[in-house]
């Protein structure tokens, strides 16, 4: 089922860069890379790699969801992005709790992670509302 762009949601991949949540996810990925780079060499293939993968997954899934043609597809990709953000939040909390990375790097990344989670939740709700309205029509 295709859909138009109600309430400024999405209508194609070329527009994913306009979403504030996508822009924040890009900031988050850069912050996560900075945290990963600050980890000790013993974590290069462990926690550092996990941080990078989870952070990249958030923005990648937002972009891929926006590139799809149905609201259901977008909703699914937003759900994956939200899961990756939760994974990243845990990993950052682990860095903070173990002292593996400086709080000056981890704290802003955690704040951005939580902001992105809130934004993803709101966007997913809006998309679900669009799906529900379309089903009633």
N, C-alpha and C. Protein backbone atom coordinates (compact mmCIF):
# COMPACT_ATOMS: atom_id res chain seq x y z
N UNK A 1 0.83 -1.17 0.00
CA UNK A 1 0.00 0.00 0.00
C UNK A 1 0.88 1.24 0.00
N UNK A 2 0.83 2.04 -1.04
CA UNK A 2 1.61 3.27 -1.11
C UNK A 2 0.97 4.35 -0.25
N UNK A 3 1.69 5.43 -0.08
CA UNK A 3 1.13 6.50 0.72
C UNK A 3 1.74 7.82 0.32
N UNK A 4 1.00 8.87 0.56
CA UNK A 4 1.50 10.20 0.29
C UNK A 4 2.19 10.74 1.53
N UNK A 5 2.50 11.99 1.53
CA UNK A 5 3.28 12.57 2.62
C UNK A 5 2.42 13.40 3.56
N UNK A 6 1.55 12.78 4.35
CA UNK A 6 0.74 13.55 5.28
C UNK A 6 1.59 14.11 6.40
N UNK A 7 1.26 15.28 6.81
CA UNK A 7 1.90 15.94 7.96
C UNK A 7 3.41 15.97 7.84
N UNK A 8 3.93 16.07 6.60
CA UNK A 8 5.36 16.23 6.42
C UNK A 8 6.19 14.99 6.73
N UNK A 9 5.62 13.81 6.65
CA UNK A 9 6.41 12.61 6.91
C UNK A 9 7.35 12.39 5.74
N UNK A 10 7.32 11.24 5.11
CA UNK A 10 8.30 11.01 4.06
C UNK A 10 7.67 10.67 2.74
N UNK A 11 8.41 10.92 1.69
CA UNK A 11 7.94 10.53 0.37
C UNK A 11 9.11 10.16 -0.52
N UNK A 12 10.22 9.79 0.05
CA UNK A 12 11.32 9.35 -0.78
C UNK A 12 12.66 9.57 -0.14
N UNK A 13 13.61 8.78 -0.60
CA UNK A 13 14.94 8.77 -0.04
C UNK A 13 15.61 10.13 -0.09
N UNK A 14 15.39 10.89 -1.12
CA UNK A 14 16.08 12.17 -1.25
C UNK A 14 15.75 13.12 -0.10
N UNK A 15 14.69 12.86 0.64
CA UNK A 15 14.27 13.76 1.72
C UNK A 15 14.70 13.32 3.11
N UNK A 16 15.36 12.17 3.25
CA UNK A 16 15.68 11.70 4.60
C UNK A 16 16.60 12.68 5.33
N UNK A 17 17.41 13.41 4.60
CA UNK A 17 18.33 14.36 5.23
C UNK A 17 17.60 15.53 5.89
N UNK A 18 16.35 15.75 5.52
CA UNK A 18 15.57 16.85 6.09
C UNK A 18 14.99 16.52 7.46
N UNK A 19 14.94 15.25 7.80
CA UNK A 19 14.40 14.87 9.11
C UNK A 19 15.36 15.26 10.22
N UNK A 20 14.84 15.92 11.24
CA UNK A 20 15.69 16.28 12.39
C UNK A 20 16.26 15.05 13.06
N UNK A 21 15.49 13.96 13.12
CA UNK A 21 15.97 12.75 13.77
C UNK A 21 17.14 12.16 12.98
N UNK A 22 17.12 12.26 11.68
CA UNK A 22 18.25 11.79 10.87
C UNK A 22 19.49 12.64 11.15
N UNK A 23 19.30 13.95 11.21
CA UNK A 23 20.42 14.84 11.50
C UNK A 23 21.02 14.57 12.87
N UNK A 24 20.15 14.32 13.85
CA UNK A 24 20.63 13.99 15.20
C UNK A 24 21.32 12.63 15.22
N UNK A 25 20.81 11.70 14.43
CA UNK A 25 21.43 10.37 14.37
C UNK A 25 22.84 10.46 13.79
N UNK A 26 23.03 11.38 12.87
CA UNK A 26 24.37 11.58 12.30
C UNK A 26 25.32 12.15 13.35
N UNK A 27 24.84 13.10 14.13
CA UNK A 27 25.63 13.64 15.25
C UNK A 27 25.95 12.52 16.22
N UNK A 28 24.96 11.70 16.52
CA UNK A 28 25.15 10.59 17.44
C UNK A 28 26.22 9.62 16.94
N UNK A 29 26.20 9.31 15.67
CA UNK A 29 27.20 8.40 15.11
C UNK A 29 28.61 8.98 15.27
N UNK A 30 28.74 10.26 15.01
CA UNK A 30 30.06 10.90 15.18
C UNK A 30 30.50 10.87 16.63
N UNK A 31 29.57 11.09 17.55
CA UNK A 31 29.90 11.03 18.98
C UNK A 31 30.29 9.61 19.38
N UNK A 32 29.57 8.62 18.88
CA UNK A 32 29.88 7.22 19.20
C UNK A 32 31.25 6.84 18.65
N UNK A 33 31.58 7.31 17.46
CA UNK A 33 32.90 7.04 16.90
C UNK A 33 34.00 7.67 17.77
N UNK A 34 33.73 8.85 18.31
CA UNK A 34 34.71 9.49 19.19
C UNK A 34 34.90 8.67 20.47
N UNK A 35 33.82 8.17 21.03
CA UNK A 35 33.91 7.32 22.22
C UNK A 35 34.68 6.05 21.87
N UNK A 36 34.34 5.42 20.75
CA UNK A 36 35.01 4.19 20.34
C UNK A 36 36.52 4.41 20.16
N UNK A 37 36.88 5.54 19.59
CA UNK A 37 38.30 5.84 19.36
C UNK A 37 39.05 6.03 20.67
N UNK A 38 38.34 6.46 21.70
CA UNK A 38 38.98 6.71 23.00
C UNK A 38 39.12 5.45 23.84
N UNK A 39 38.49 4.36 23.43
CA UNK A 39 38.58 3.13 24.20
C UNK A 39 39.98 2.53 24.08
N UNK A 40 40.37 1.76 25.08
CA UNK A 40 41.70 1.13 25.03
C UNK A 40 41.80 0.16 23.86
N UNK A 41 43.02 -0.08 23.38
CA UNK A 41 43.21 -0.99 22.25
C UNK A 41 42.62 -2.38 22.47
N UNK A 42 42.55 -2.82 23.71
CA UNK A 42 41.98 -4.15 24.00
C UNK A 42 40.50 -4.23 23.64
N UNK A 43 39.83 -3.09 23.48
CA UNK A 43 38.41 -3.05 23.13
C UNK A 43 38.16 -2.75 21.66
N UNK A 44 39.23 -2.66 20.87
CA UNK A 44 39.09 -2.29 19.45
C UNK A 44 38.12 -3.21 18.71
N UNK A 45 38.20 -4.51 18.96
CA UNK A 45 37.35 -5.45 18.24
C UNK A 45 36.14 -5.90 19.06
N UNK A 46 36.01 -5.38 20.24
CA UNK A 46 34.88 -5.72 21.09
C UNK A 46 33.91 -4.56 21.17
N UNK A 47 33.97 -3.86 22.28
CA UNK A 47 33.03 -2.78 22.56
C UNK A 47 33.11 -1.66 21.52
N UNK A 48 34.28 -1.31 21.08
CA UNK A 48 34.42 -0.23 20.09
C UNK A 48 33.69 -0.57 18.79
N UNK A 49 33.86 -1.80 18.34
CA UNK A 49 33.19 -2.22 17.11
C UNK A 49 31.68 -2.24 17.30
N UNK A 50 31.21 -2.68 18.45
CA UNK A 50 29.77 -2.71 18.74
C UNK A 50 29.19 -1.30 18.77
N UNK A 51 29.92 -0.38 19.39
CA UNK A 51 29.47 1.02 19.44
C UNK A 51 29.29 1.58 18.03
N UNK A 52 30.29 1.36 17.20
CA UNK A 52 30.24 1.88 15.84
C UNK A 52 29.08 1.26 15.05
N UNK A 53 28.92 -0.05 15.16
CA UNK A 53 27.84 -0.73 14.42
C UNK A 53 26.46 -0.24 14.85
N UNK A 54 26.24 -0.14 16.15
CA UNK A 54 24.93 0.30 16.64
C UNK A 54 24.65 1.73 16.22
N UNK A 55 25.65 2.59 16.32
CA UNK A 55 25.46 4.00 15.96
C UNK A 55 25.16 4.16 14.47
N UNK A 56 25.87 3.43 13.64
CA UNK A 56 25.64 3.50 12.20
C UNK A 56 24.26 2.95 11.86
N UNK A 57 23.83 1.94 12.57
CA UNK A 57 22.54 1.32 12.32
C UNK A 57 21.38 2.29 12.54
N UNK A 58 21.50 3.16 13.52
CA UNK A 58 20.41 4.11 13.80
C UNK A 58 20.13 4.97 12.57
N UNK A 59 21.12 5.69 12.12
CA UNK A 59 20.92 6.57 10.96
C UNK A 59 20.64 5.82 9.68
N UNK A 60 21.28 4.67 9.51
CA UNK A 60 21.08 3.87 8.29
C UNK A 60 19.64 3.40 8.17
N UNK A 61 19.05 2.99 9.28
CA UNK A 61 17.67 2.51 9.24
C UNK A 61 16.67 3.64 9.04
N UNK A 62 16.98 4.81 9.55
CA UNK A 62 16.12 5.97 9.28
C UNK A 62 16.15 6.26 7.78
N UNK A 63 17.35 6.30 7.21
CA UNK A 63 17.48 6.59 5.78
C UNK A 63 16.81 5.52 4.94
N UNK A 64 17.02 4.25 5.27
CA UNK A 64 16.41 3.19 4.48
C UNK A 64 14.90 3.21 4.59
N UNK A 65 14.40 3.46 5.77
CA UNK A 65 12.95 3.54 5.94
C UNK A 65 12.34 4.66 5.13
N UNK A 66 13.02 5.79 5.08
CA UNK A 66 12.53 6.91 4.29
C UNK A 66 12.58 6.61 2.80
N UNK A 67 13.48 5.71 2.40
CA UNK A 67 13.59 5.36 1.00
C UNK A 67 12.56 4.35 0.54
N UNK A 68 11.81 3.80 1.45
CA UNK A 68 10.78 2.82 1.11
C UNK A 68 9.50 3.52 0.69
N UNK A 69 8.60 2.76 0.11
CA UNK A 69 7.40 3.38 -0.45
C UNK A 69 6.15 3.21 0.40
N UNK A 70 6.25 2.47 1.51
CA UNK A 70 5.05 2.31 2.34
C UNK A 70 5.32 2.76 3.76
N UNK A 71 4.27 3.19 4.40
CA UNK A 71 4.36 3.60 5.80
C UNK A 71 4.71 2.41 6.69
N UNK A 72 4.22 1.24 6.33
CA UNK A 72 4.55 0.04 7.13
C UNK A 72 6.04 -0.25 7.08
N UNK A 73 6.63 -0.12 5.90
CA UNK A 73 8.08 -0.32 5.79
C UNK A 73 8.82 0.70 6.65
N UNK A 74 8.41 1.96 6.55
CA UNK A 74 9.06 2.99 7.36
C UNK A 74 8.94 2.67 8.83
N UNK A 75 7.75 2.29 9.27
CA UNK A 75 7.54 1.94 10.67
C UNK A 75 8.49 0.83 11.11
N UNK A 76 8.66 -0.18 10.27
CA UNK A 76 9.56 -1.28 10.60
C UNK A 76 11.01 -0.83 10.75
N UNK A 77 11.46 0.01 9.84
CA UNK A 77 12.84 0.49 9.92
C UNK A 77 13.04 1.43 11.11
N UNK A 78 12.02 2.20 11.44
CA UNK A 78 12.12 3.05 12.63
C UNK A 78 12.22 2.20 13.89
N UNK A 79 11.52 1.09 13.89
CA UNK A 79 11.59 0.17 15.02
C UNK A 79 13.00 -0.41 15.17
N UNK A 80 13.61 -0.77 14.06
CA UNK A 80 14.99 -1.28 14.10
C UNK A 80 15.94 -0.19 14.58
N UNK A 81 15.75 1.04 14.10
CA UNK A 81 16.59 2.16 14.52
C UNK A 81 16.45 2.40 16.03
N UNK A 82 15.24 2.29 16.52
CA UNK A 82 15.01 2.47 17.96
C UNK A 82 15.70 1.37 18.76
N UNK A 83 15.66 0.15 18.26
CA UNK A 83 16.37 -0.94 18.92
C UNK A 83 17.87 -0.72 18.93
N UNK A 84 18.41 -0.24 17.83
CA UNK A 84 19.84 0.05 17.77
C UNK A 84 20.21 1.18 18.72
N UNK A 85 19.34 2.17 18.85
CA UNK A 85 19.60 3.27 19.78
C UNK A 85 19.61 2.76 21.22
N UNK A 86 18.72 1.82 21.54
CA UNK A 86 18.70 1.24 22.88
C UNK A 86 19.98 0.44 23.13
N UNK A 87 20.42 -0.29 22.11
CA UNK A 87 21.67 -1.04 22.22
C UNK A 87 22.85 -0.09 22.46
N UNK A 88 22.88 0.99 21.71
CA UNK A 88 23.94 1.98 21.86
C UNK A 88 23.91 2.61 23.24
N UNK A 89 22.71 2.90 23.73
CA UNK A 89 22.59 3.47 25.08
C UNK A 89 23.23 2.54 26.11
N UNK A 90 22.95 1.26 26.02
CA UNK A 90 23.55 0.29 26.95
C UNK A 90 25.07 0.30 26.84
N UNK A 91 25.57 0.29 25.63
CA UNK A 91 27.01 0.26 25.43
C UNK A 91 27.69 1.52 25.98
N UNK A 92 27.06 2.66 25.78
CA UNK A 92 27.60 3.90 26.32
C UNK A 92 27.57 3.89 27.85
N UNK A 93 26.47 3.39 28.41
CA UNK A 93 26.39 3.27 29.87
C UNK A 93 27.47 2.34 30.41
N UNK A 94 27.78 1.30 29.66
CA UNK A 94 28.85 0.38 30.03
C UNK A 94 30.20 1.09 30.00
N UNK A 95 30.43 1.89 28.98
CA UNK A 95 31.67 2.68 28.91
C UNK A 95 31.79 3.61 30.11
N UNK A 96 30.67 4.22 30.45
CA UNK A 96 30.64 5.16 31.57
C UNK A 96 30.86 4.42 32.89
N UNK A 97 30.15 3.33 33.07
CA UNK A 97 30.22 2.59 34.33
C UNK A 97 31.58 1.95 34.59
N UNK A 98 32.26 1.55 33.53
CA UNK A 98 33.57 0.92 33.69
C UNK A 98 34.72 1.91 33.65
N UNK A 99 34.41 3.15 33.27
CA UNK A 99 35.45 4.16 33.16
C UNK A 99 36.36 3.95 31.96
N UNK A 100 35.90 3.20 30.98
CA UNK A 100 36.71 2.94 29.78
C UNK A 100 36.86 4.17 28.89
N UNK A 101 35.93 5.09 28.99
CA UNK A 101 36.00 6.32 28.20
C UNK A 101 35.65 7.50 29.11
N UNK A 102 36.18 8.64 28.77
CA UNK A 102 35.98 9.85 29.57
C UNK A 102 34.52 10.28 29.55
N UNK A 103 34.04 10.71 30.71
CA UNK A 103 32.67 11.22 30.81
C UNK A 103 32.42 12.39 29.86
N UNK A 104 33.46 13.15 29.56
CA UNK A 104 33.29 14.30 28.66
C UNK A 104 32.91 13.85 27.25
N UNK A 105 33.20 12.60 26.90
CA UNK A 105 32.78 12.04 25.62
C UNK A 105 31.46 11.27 25.75
N UNK A 106 31.35 10.50 26.82
CA UNK A 106 30.21 9.59 26.96
C UNK A 106 28.93 10.34 27.30
N UNK A 107 28.98 11.30 28.21
CA UNK A 107 27.77 11.99 28.64
C UNK A 107 27.03 12.68 27.48
N UNK A 108 27.71 13.46 26.63
CA UNK A 108 26.99 14.06 25.50
C UNK A 108 26.42 13.01 24.55
N UNK A 109 27.14 11.90 24.35
CA UNK A 109 26.63 10.84 23.48
C UNK A 109 25.38 10.20 24.07
N UNK A 110 25.37 10.01 25.37
CA UNK A 110 24.17 9.47 26.03
C UNK A 110 23.00 10.44 25.90
N UNK A 111 23.26 11.72 26.06
CA UNK A 111 22.19 12.71 25.93
C UNK A 111 21.62 12.70 24.51
N UNK A 112 22.49 12.63 23.52
CA UNK A 112 22.03 12.59 22.13
C UNK A 112 21.27 11.30 21.87
N UNK A 113 21.76 10.19 22.41
CA UNK A 113 21.07 8.90 22.23
C UNK A 113 19.64 8.99 22.75
N UNK A 114 19.47 9.53 23.92
CA UNK A 114 18.13 9.63 24.51
C UNK A 114 17.24 10.58 23.74
N UNK A 115 17.82 11.65 23.21
CA UNK A 115 17.06 12.58 22.39
C UNK A 115 16.61 11.88 21.09
N UNK A 116 17.51 11.13 20.47
CA UNK A 116 17.17 10.40 19.25
C UNK A 116 16.08 9.35 19.54
N UNK A 117 16.17 8.68 20.67
CA UNK A 117 15.14 7.70 21.03
C UNK A 117 13.77 8.37 21.13
N UNK A 118 13.72 9.52 21.76
CA UNK A 118 12.45 10.24 21.89
C UNK A 118 11.92 10.66 20.52
N UNK A 119 12.81 11.15 19.68
CA UNK A 119 12.41 11.59 18.35
C UNK A 119 11.91 10.41 17.51
N UNK A 120 12.61 9.28 17.60
CA UNK A 120 12.19 8.09 16.86
C UNK A 120 10.83 7.60 17.34
N UNK A 121 10.62 7.64 18.64
CA UNK A 121 9.34 7.21 19.20
C UNK A 121 8.21 8.08 18.69
N UNK A 122 8.43 9.40 18.69
CA UNK A 122 7.39 10.32 18.19
C UNK A 122 7.12 10.10 16.71
N UNK A 123 8.19 9.93 15.92
CA UNK A 123 8.01 9.73 14.49
C UNK A 123 7.29 8.40 14.22
N UNK A 124 7.67 7.36 14.93
CA UNK A 124 7.01 6.06 14.76
C UNK A 124 5.53 6.16 15.10
N UNK A 125 5.20 6.92 16.12
CA UNK A 125 3.79 7.13 16.49
C UNK A 125 3.05 7.83 15.37
N UNK A 126 3.67 8.86 14.78
CA UNK A 126 3.04 9.59 13.68
C UNK A 126 2.82 8.67 12.48
N UNK A 127 3.81 7.84 12.18
CA UNK A 127 3.68 6.91 11.06
C UNK A 127 2.56 5.91 11.34
N UNK A 128 2.51 5.39 12.56
CA UNK A 128 1.46 4.45 12.92
C UNK A 128 0.09 5.11 12.81
N UNK A 129 -0.01 6.35 13.20
CA UNK A 129 -1.27 7.08 13.07
C UNK A 129 -1.68 7.19 11.60
N UNK A 130 -0.71 7.41 10.74
CA UNK A 130 -0.98 7.48 9.30
C UNK A 130 -1.50 6.14 8.79
N UNK A 131 -0.89 5.07 9.25
CA UNK A 131 -1.33 3.73 8.84
C UNK A 131 -2.75 3.47 9.32
N UNK A 132 -3.02 3.81 10.56
CA UNK A 132 -4.35 3.59 11.13
C UNK A 132 -5.41 4.39 10.39
N UNK A 133 -5.12 5.65 10.09
CA UNK A 133 -6.07 6.48 9.33
C UNK A 133 -6.32 5.89 7.95
N UNK A 134 -5.27 5.41 7.30
CA UNK A 134 -5.42 4.83 5.96
C UNK A 134 -6.26 3.56 6.01
N UNK A 135 -6.13 2.78 7.07
CA UNK A 135 -6.90 1.54 7.20
C UNK A 135 -8.38 1.84 7.41
N UNK A 136 -8.68 2.94 8.06
CA UNK A 136 -10.08 3.31 8.33
C UNK A 136 -10.76 3.88 7.09
N UNK A 137 -9.96 4.43 6.19
CA UNK A 137 -10.54 5.08 5.00
C UNK A 137 -11.07 4.09 3.99
